[in-house]
PDB file of N, CA and C in Angstrom:
ATOM      1  N   UNK A   1       8.683  36.052   8.244  1.00  0.00           N
ATOM      2  CA  UNK A   1       8.377  35.022   8.584  1.00  0.00           C
ATOM      3  C   UNK A   1       7.711  33.710   8.198  1.00  0.00           C
ATOM      4  N   UNK A   2       8.032  32.823   7.894  1.00  0.00           N
ATOM      5  CA  UNK A   2       7.291  31.295   8.136  1.00  0.00           C
ATOM      6  C   UNK A   2       7.726  30.691   9.301  1.00  0.00           C
ATOM      7  N   UNK A   3       6.452  30.312   9.292  1.00  0.00           N
ATOM      8  CA  UNK A   3       6.371  29.181  10.064  1.00  0.00           C
ATOM      9  C   UNK A   3       6.061  27.427   9.245  1.00  0.00           C
ATOM     10  N   UNK A   4       7.439  26.543  10.006  1.00  0.00           N
ATOM     11  CA  UNK A   4       6.986  25.441   9.310  1.00  0.00           C
ATOM     12  C   UNK A   4       6.253  24.678  10.282  1.00  0.00           C
ATOM     13  N   UNK A   5       5.319  24.010   9.039  1.00  0.00           N
ATOM     14  CA  UNK A   5       4.301  23.066  10.553  1.00  0.00           C
ATOM     15  C   UNK A   5       4.742  21.854  10.264  1.00  0.00           C
ATOM     16  N   UNK A   6       4.798  21.246  11.817  1.00  0.00           N
ATOM     17  CA  UNK A   6       5.369  19.858  12.426  1.00  0.00           C
ATOM     18  C   UNK A   6       4.873  18.989  11.654  1.00  0.00           C
ATOM     19  N   UNK A   7       5.985  18.187  11.317  1.00  0.00           N
ATOM     20  CA  UNK A   7       5.869  16.867  10.419  1.00  0.00           C
ATOM     21  C   UNK A   7       5.162  15.708  10.821  1.00  0.00           C
ATOM     22  N   UNK A   8       3.719  15.114  10.204  1.00  0.00           N
ATOM     23  CA  UNK A   8       2.833  13.996  11.039  1.00  0.00           C
ATOM     24  C   UNK A   8       3.940  12.518  11.400  1.00  0.00           C
ATOM     25  N   UNK A   9       3.669  12.441  12.248  1.00  0.00           N
ATOM     26  CA  UNK A   9       4.374  10.736  12.982  1.00  0.00           C
ATOM     27  C   UNK A   9       4.077   9.480  12.111  1.00  0.00           C
ATOM     28  N   UNK A  10       2.680   9.962  11.145  1.00  0.00           N
ATOM     29  CA  UNK A  10       1.456   8.754  11.082  1.00  0.00           C
ATOM     30  C   UNK A  10       2.778   8.586   9.373  1.00  0.00           C
ATOM     31  N   UNK A  11       3.073   8.355   9.270  1.00  0.00           N
ATOM     32  CA  UNK A  11       4.219   7.009   8.090  1.00  0.00           C
ATOM     33  C   UNK A  11       3.287   6.871   6.580  1.00  0.00           C
ATOM     34  N   UNK A  12       1.939   6.844   6.716  1.00  0.00           N
ATOM     35  CA  UNK A  12       1.326   7.422   5.108  1.00  0.00           C
ATOM     36  C   UNK A  12       1.117   7.974   5.599  1.00  0.00           C
ATOM     37  N   UNK A  13       0.453   9.882   5.837  1.00  0.00           N
ATOM     38  CA  UNK A  13       0.535  10.774   5.479  1.00  0.00           C
ATOM     39  C   UNK A  13       1.467  11.211   4.240  1.00  0.00           C
ATOM     40  N   UNK A  14       0.698  11.808   3.987  1.00  0.00           N
ATOM     41  CA  UNK A  14       1.290  11.894   2.743  1.00  0.00           C
ATOM     42  C   UNK A  14       1.137  11.355   0.872  1.00  0.00           C
ATOM     43  N   UNK A  15       0.540  10.106   1.176  1.00  0.00           N
ATOM     44  CA  UNK A  15       1.190   8.661   0.290  1.00  0.00           C
ATOM     45  C   UNK A  15      -0.177   8.255   0.184  1.00  0.00           C
ATOM     46  N   UNK A  16      -0.463   8.605  -0.899  1.00  0.00           N
ATOM     47  CA  UNK A  16      -1.452   8.162  -1.800  1.00  0.00           C
ATOM     48  C   UNK A  16      -0.895   6.021  -2.113  1.00  0.00           C
ATOM     49  N   UNK A  17      -2.371   6.133  -1.944  1.00  0.00           N
ATOM     50  CA  UNK A  17      -2.598   4.184  -1.881  1.00  0.00           C
ATOM     51  C   UNK A  17      -1.877   3.843  -3.720  1.00  0.00           C
ATOM     52  N   UNK A  18      -2.532   4.572  -4.449  1.00  0.00           N
ATOM     53  CA  UNK A  18      -1.288   4.383  -5.431  1.00  0.00           C
ATOM     54  C   UNK A  18       0.407   4.121  -5.128  1.00  0.00           C
ATOM     55  N   UNK A  19       0.950   5.195  -4.651  1.00  0.00           N
ATOM     56  CA  UNK A  19       2.134   5.235  -4.193  1.00  0.00           C
ATOM     57  C   UNK A  19       2.481   3.522  -3.433  1.00  0.00           C
ATOM     58  N   UNK A  20       2.134   3.671  -2.916  1.00  0.00           N
ATOM     59  CA  UNK A  20       1.598   2.294  -1.446  1.00  0.00           C
ATOM     60  C   UNK A  20       1.763   0.730  -2.328  1.00  0.00           C
ATOM     61  N   UNK A  21       0.859   0.638  -3.423  1.00  0.00           N
ATOM     62  CA  UNK A  21       0.517  -0.257  -4.463  1.00  0.00           C
ATOM     63  C   UNK A  21       2.105  -0.195  -5.835  1.00  0.00           C
ATOM     64  N   UNK A  22       1.883   0.778  -5.923  1.00  0.00           N
ATOM     65  CA  UNK A  22       3.439   0.977  -6.686  1.00  0.00           C
ATOM     66  C   UNK A  22       4.536   0.117  -6.027  1.00  0.00           C
ATOM     67  N   UNK A  23       5.027   0.663  -4.539  1.00  0.00           N
ATOM     68  CA  UNK A  23       6.066   0.037  -3.522  1.00  0.00           C
ATOM     69  C   UNK A  23       5.581  -0.732  -3.299  1.00  0.00           C
ATOM     70  N   UNK A  24       4.524  -1.702  -3.205  1.00  0.00           N
ATOM     71  CA  UNK A  24       4.471  -3.487  -3.064  1.00  0.00           C
ATOM     72  C   UNK A  24       4.611  -3.938  -3.951  1.00  0.00           C
ATOM     73  N   UNK A  25       4.322  -3.830  -5.236  1.00  0.00           N
ATOM     74  CA  UNK A  25       3.990  -4.791  -6.351  1.00  0.00           C
ATOM     75  C   UNK A  25       5.856  -4.616  -7.052  1.00  0.00           C
ATOM     76  N   UNK A  26       5.971  -3.108  -6.832  1.00  0.00           N
ATOM     77  CA  UNK A  26       7.676  -3.787  -7.314  1.00  0.00           C
ATOM     78  C   UNK A  26       8.196  -4.566  -6.159  1.00  0.00           C
ATOM     79  N   UNK A  27       8.625  -4.474  -5.378  1.00  0.00           N
ATOM     80  CA  UNK A  27       9.498  -4.965  -3.550  1.00  0.00           C
ATOM     81  C   UNK A  27       8.495  -6.840  -3.867  1.00  0.00           C
ATOM     82  N   UNK A  28       7.625  -7.083  -3.799  1.00  0.00           N
ATOM     83  CA  UNK A  28       6.839  -8.250  -3.585  1.00  0.00           C
ATOM     84  C   UNK A  28       6.945  -8.927  -5.369  1.00  0.00           C
ATOM     85  N   UNK A  29       6.126  -7.990  -6.103  1.00  0.00           N
ATOM     86  CA  UNK A  29       5.239  -9.055  -7.165  1.00  0.00           C
ATOM     87  C   UNK A  29       4.344  -9.153  -6.810  1.00  0.00           C
ATOM     88  N   UNK A  30       3.033  -8.922  -8.075  1.00  0.00           N
ATOM     89  CA  UNK A  30       1.895  -9.666  -7.382  1.00  0.00           C
ATOM     90  C   UNK A  30       2.063 -10.961  -7.689  1.00  0.00           C
ATOM     91  N   UNK A  31       2.421 -12.052  -7.409  1.00  0.00           N
ATOM     92  CA  UNK A  31       1.944 -13.197  -6.831  1.00  0.00           C
ATOM     93  C   UNK A  31       2.283 -13.563  -5.278  1.00  0.00           C
ATOM     94  N   UNK A  32       4.091 -12.348  -5.198  1.00  0.00           N
ATOM     95  CA  UNK A  32       4.066 -12.865  -3.819  1.00  0.00           C
ATOM     96  C   UNK A  32       2.775 -11.577  -3.025  1.00  0.00           C
ATOM     97  N   UNK A  33       2.579 -10.787  -3.594  1.00  0.00           N
ATOM     98  CA  UNK A  33       1.662 -10.089  -2.860  1.00  0.00           C
ATOM     99  C   UNK A  33       0.123 -10.595  -2.279  1.00  0.00           C
ATOM    100  N   UNK A  34      -0.321 -11.135  -3.811  1.00  0.00           N
ATOM    101  CA  UNK A  34      -1.388 -12.408  -3.881  1.00  0.00           C
ATOM    102  C   UNK A  34      -1.434 -13.057  -2.706  1.00  0.00           C
ATOM    103  N   UNK A  35      -0.229 -13.697  -2.171  1.00  0.00           N
ATOM    104  CA  UNK A  35      -0.031 -14.182  -0.871  1.00  0.00           C
ATOM    105  C   UNK A  35       0.518 -14.169   0.930  1.00  0.00           C
ATOM    106  N   UNK A  36       0.642 -12.704   0.245  1.00  0.00           N
ATOM    107  CA  UNK A  36       0.014 -11.856   1.249  1.00  0.00           C
ATOM    108  C   UNK A  36      -1.294 -11.748   1.966  1.00  0.00           C
ATOM    109  N   UNK A  37      -1.838 -11.450   0.851  1.00  0.00           N
ATOM    110  CA  UNK A  37      -3.465 -10.712   1.205  1.00  0.00           C
ATOM    111  C   UNK A  37      -4.043 -11.185   0.004  1.00  0.00           C
ATOM    112  N   UNK A  38      -4.381 -12.514   0.213  1.00  0.00           N
ATOM    113  CA  UNK A  38      -5.482 -13.572  -0.644  1.00  0.00           C
ATOM    114  C   UNK A  38      -6.570 -12.510  -1.496  1.00  0.00           C
ATOM    115  N   UNK A  39      -6.526 -12.063  -1.981  1.00  0.00           N
ATOM    116  CA  UNK A  39      -7.665 -11.059  -3.007  1.00  0.00           C
ATOM    117  C   UNK A  39      -7.763 -10.764  -4.308  1.00  0.00           C
ATOM    118  N   UNK A  40      -9.111 -10.855  -4.925  1.00  0.00           N
ATOM    119  CA  UNK A  40      -9.176 -11.788  -6.425  1.00  0.00           C
ATOM    120  C   UNK A  40      -8.165 -10.570  -7.245  1.00  0.00           C
ATOM    121  N   UNK A  41      -7.984  -9.098  -6.876  1.00  0.00           N
ATOM    122  CA  UNK A  41      -7.600  -8.240  -8.134  1.00  0.00           C
ATOM    123  C   UNK A  41      -6.273  -8.262  -7.603  1.00  0.00           C
ATOM    124  N   UNK A  42      -5.527  -8.591  -6.705  1.00  0.00           N
ATOM    125  CA  UNK A  42      -3.795  -9.330  -6.641  1.00  0.00           C
ATOM    126  C   UNK A  42      -3.722 -10.652  -7.423  1.00  0.00           C
ATOM    127  N   UNK A  43      -4.883 -11.882  -7.771  1.00  0.00           N
ATOM    128  CA  UNK A  43      -4.241 -13.236  -7.765  1.00  0.00           C
ATOM    129  C   UNK A  43      -4.982 -13.295  -9.692  1.00  0.00           C
ATOM    130  N   UNK A  44      -6.321 -12.378  -9.911  1.00  0.00           N
ATOM    131  CA  UNK A  44      -6.753 -12.887 -11.452  1.00  0.00           C
ATOM    132  C   UNK A  44      -6.557 -11.960 -11.999  1.00  0.00           C
ATOM    133  N   UNK A  45      -5.637 -11.493 -12.847  1.00  0.00           N
ATOM    134  CA  UNK A  45      -5.457 -10.301 -13.704  1.00  0.00           C
ATOM    135  C   UNK A  45      -5.107  -9.300 -13.214  1.00  0.00           C
ATOM    136  N   UNK A  46      -4.139  -9.248 -12.359  1.00  0.00           N
ATOM    137  CA  UNK A  46      -3.148  -7.991 -12.003  1.00  0.00           C
ATOM    138  C   UNK A  46      -3.622  -6.390 -12.599  1.00  0.00           C
ATOM    139  N   UNK A  47      -3.878  -5.591 -11.812  1.00  0.00           N
ATOM    140  CA  UNK A  47      -3.659  -4.338 -12.288  1.00  0.00           C
ATOM    141  C   UNK A  47      -3.226  -3.506 -11.888  1.00  0.00           C
ATOM    142  N   UNK A  48      -2.206  -2.047 -11.547  1.00  0.00           N
ATOM    143  CA  UNK A  48      -2.189  -1.224 -10.616  1.00  0.00           C
ATOM    144  C   UNK A  48      -4.271  -0.527 -10.217  1.00  0.00           C
ATOM    145  N   UNK A  49      -5.002   0.211 -11.928  1.00  0.00           N
ATOM    146  CA  UNK A  49      -5.942   0.308 -12.138  1.00  0.00           C
ATOM    147  C   UNK A  49      -7.351  -0.750 -11.054  1.00  0.00           C
ATOM    148  N   UNK A  50      -7.350  -1.854 -11.408  1.00  0.00           N
ATOM    149  CA  UNK A  50      -7.729  -2.443 -11.451  1.00  0.00           C
ATOM    150  C   UNK A  50      -7.890  -2.530  -9.034  1.00  0.00           C
ATOM    151  N   UNK A  51      -6.961  -2.194  -8.470  1.00  0.00           N
ATOM    152  CA  UNK A  51      -6.807  -2.910  -7.295  1.00  0.00           C
ATOM    153  C   UNK A  51      -6.926  -1.492  -6.721  1.00  0.00           C
ATOM    154  N   UNK A  52      -6.633  -0.601  -7.123  1.00  0.00           N
ATOM    155  CA  UNK A  52      -6.856   1.028  -6.337  1.00  0.00           C
ATOM    156  C   UNK A  52      -8.510   0.479  -7.077  1.00  0.00           C
ATOM    157  N   UNK A  53      -9.292   0.376  -8.026  1.00  0.00           N
ATOM    158  CA  UNK A  53     -10.814   0.490  -8.216  1.00  0.00           C
ATOM    159  C   UNK A  53     -11.467  -0.155  -6.478  1.00  0.00           C
ATOM    160  N   UNK A  54     -10.997  -1.661  -6.866  1.00  0.00           N
ATOM    161  CA  UNK A  54     -11.115  -2.503  -5.485  1.00  0.00           C
ATOM    162  C   UNK A  54     -11.251  -2.078  -4.212  1.00  0.00           C
ATOM    163  N   UNK A  55      -9.584  -1.586  -3.808  1.00  0.00           N
ATOM    164  CA  UNK A  55      -9.002  -1.292  -2.412  1.00  0.00           C
ATOM    165  C   UNK A  55      -9.575  -0.128  -1.680  1.00  0.00           C
ATOM    166  N   UNK A  56     -10.096   1.023  -3.187  1.00  0.00           N
ATOM    167  CA  UNK A  56     -11.127   2.207  -2.075  1.00  0.00           C
ATOM    168  C   UNK A  56     -12.264   2.392  -2.527  1.00  0.00           C
ATOM    169  N   UNK A  57     -12.889   1.337  -2.677  1.00  0.00           N
ATOM    170  CA  UNK A  57     -13.929   0.832  -2.101  1.00  0.00           C
ATOM    171  C   UNK A  57     -14.467  -0.262  -1.083  1.00  0.00           C
ATOM    172  N   UNK A  58     -13.160  -1.064  -0.585  1.00  0.00           N
ATOM    173  CA  UNK A  58     -12.585  -2.472  -0.019  1.00  0.00           C
ATOM    174  C   UNK A  58     -12.654  -1.823   1.391  1.00  0.00           C
ATOM    175  N   UNK A  59     -12.657  -0.963   2.652  1.00  0.00           N
ATOM    176  CA  UNK A  59     -11.861  -0.483   3.549  1.00  0.00           C
ATOM    177  C   UNK A  59     -11.237  -1.236   4.316  1.00  0.00           C
ATOM    178  N   UNK A  60     -11.507  -3.452   4.824  1.00  0.00           N
ATOM    179  CA  UNK A  60     -10.857  -4.173   5.277  1.00  0.00           C
ATOM    180  C   UNK A  60      -9.909  -4.421   3.981  1.00  0.00           C
ATOM    181  N   UNK A  61     -10.055  -4.750   2.660  1.00  0.00           N
ATOM    182  CA  UNK A  61      -9.236  -5.096   2.467  1.00  0.00           C
ATOM    183  C   UNK A  61      -7.978  -3.732   1.642  1.00  0.00           C
ATOM    184  N   UNK A  62      -8.212  -2.566   2.134  1.00  0.00           N
ATOM    185  CA  UNK A  62      -6.938  -1.115   1.588  1.00  0.00           C
ATOM    186  C   UNK A  62      -6.746  -1.055   3.600  1.00  0.00           C
ATOM    187  N   UNK A  63      -6.838  -1.674   4.484  1.00  0.00           N
ATOM    188  CA  UNK A  63      -6.230  -1.310   6.206  1.00  0.00           C
ATOM    189  C   UNK A  63      -5.414  -3.022   5.583  1.00  0.00           C
ATOM    190  N   UNK A  64      -5.517  -3.523   5.173  1.00  0.00           N
ATOM    191  CA  UNK A  64      -4.264  -4.678   4.785  1.00  0.00           C
ATOM    192  C   UNK A  64      -3.197  -4.527   4.010  1.00  0.00           C
ATOM    193  N   UNK A  65      -3.330  -4.014   3.171  1.00  0.00           N
ATOM    194  CA  UNK A  65      -2.848  -3.244   2.455  1.00  0.00           C
ATOM    195  C   UNK A  65      -1.827  -1.900   3.521  1.00  0.00           C
ATOM    196  N   UNK A  66      -2.601  -1.522   3.720  1.00  0.00           N
ATOM    197  CA  UNK A  66      -1.642  -0.509   4.826  1.00  0.00           C
ATOM    198  C   UNK A  66      -0.554  -0.779   5.347  1.00  0.00           C
ATOM    199  N   UNK A  67      -1.369  -1.821   6.006  1.00  0.00           N
ATOM    200  CA  UNK A  67      -0.742  -3.152   7.260  1.00  0.00           C
ATOM    201  C   UNK A  67       0.509  -3.826   7.036  1.00  0.00           C
ATOM    202  N   UNK A  68       0.386  -4.229   5.637  1.00  0.00           N
ATOM    203  CA  UNK A  68       1.377  -4.494   5.266  1.00  0.00           C
ATOM    204  C   UNK A  68       2.963  -3.569   4.643  1.00  0.00           C
ATOM    205  N   UNK A  69       2.288  -2.253   4.191  1.00  0.00           N
ATOM    206  CA  UNK A  69       2.763  -1.607   3.394  1.00  0.00           C
ATOM    207  C   UNK A  69       3.922  -1.067   4.691  1.00  0.00           C
ATOM    208  N   UNK A  70       2.620  -0.589   5.674  1.00  0.00           N
ATOM    209  CA  UNK A  70       3.819  -0.080   7.306  1.00  0.00           C
ATOM    210  C   UNK A  70       4.747  -1.470   6.977  1.00  0.00           C
ATOM    211  N   UNK A  71       4.562  -2.528   7.278  1.00  0.00           N
ATOM    212  CA  UNK A  71       6.041  -4.314   8.001  1.00  0.00           C
ATOM    213  C   UNK A  71       6.791  -2.888   6.229  1.00  0.00           C
ATOM    214  N   UNK A  72       6.530  -3.301   5.391  1.00  0.00           N
ATOM    215  CA  UNK A  72       7.449  -3.141   3.912  1.00  0.00           C
ATOM    216  C   UNK A  72       8.633  -1.902   4.437  1.00  0.00           C
ATOM    217  N   UNK A  73       7.418  -0.385   5.227  1.00  0.00           N
ATOM    218  CA  UNK A  73       8.458  -0.168   5.588  1.00  0.00           C
ATOM    219  C   UNK A  73       9.693  -0.216   7.031  1.00  0.00           C
ATOM    220  N   UNK A  74       8.748  -1.142   7.620  1.00  0.00           N
ATOM    221  CA  UNK A  74      10.073  -1.148   8.663  1.00  0.00           C
ATOM    222  C   UNK A  74      11.266  -2.520   8.240  1.00  0.00           C
ATOM    223  N   UNK A  75      11.397  -3.038   8.071  1.00  0.00           N
ATOM    224  CA  UNK A  75      12.008  -3.852   6.890  1.00  0.00           C
ATOM    225  C   UNK A  75      13.512  -2.610   6.064  1.00  0.00           C
ATOM    226  N   UNK A  76      12.209  -2.164   5.573  1.00  0.00           N
ATOM    227  CA  UNK A  76      13.619  -0.973   4.441  1.00  0.00           C
ATOM    228  C   UNK A  76      14.534  -0.341   5.122  1.00  0.00           C
ATOM    229  N   UNK A  77      13.877  -0.005   6.749  1.00  0.00           N
ATOM    230  CA  UNK A  77      14.941   0.661   7.057  1.00  0.00           C
ATOM    231  C   UNK A  77      16.212  -0.125   8.155  1.00  0.00           C
ATOM    232  N   UNK A  78      15.759  -1.583   8.300  1.00  0.00           N
ATOM    233  CA  UNK A  78      16.529  -2.082   8.615  1.00  0.00           C
ATOM    234  C   UNK A  78      18.273  -2.393   8.363  1.00  0.00           C
TER     235      UNK A  78
END
């Protein structure tokens, strides 16, 4: 018999930063995302690759993206 592990209650558990960013870009688009979170990698020649590089090095920006993603998930469930 195999025991199943309890599911995490953390909505970010198992979701990569790239998945988060792709969903946000698909939902908001780069322009709106740059208005929501005013960082250069969203407003000047935005790309997934450059944004991931910046967000992986910059905790405060990553936290803003994660917070926006959680807000997006709440809206999506409504």
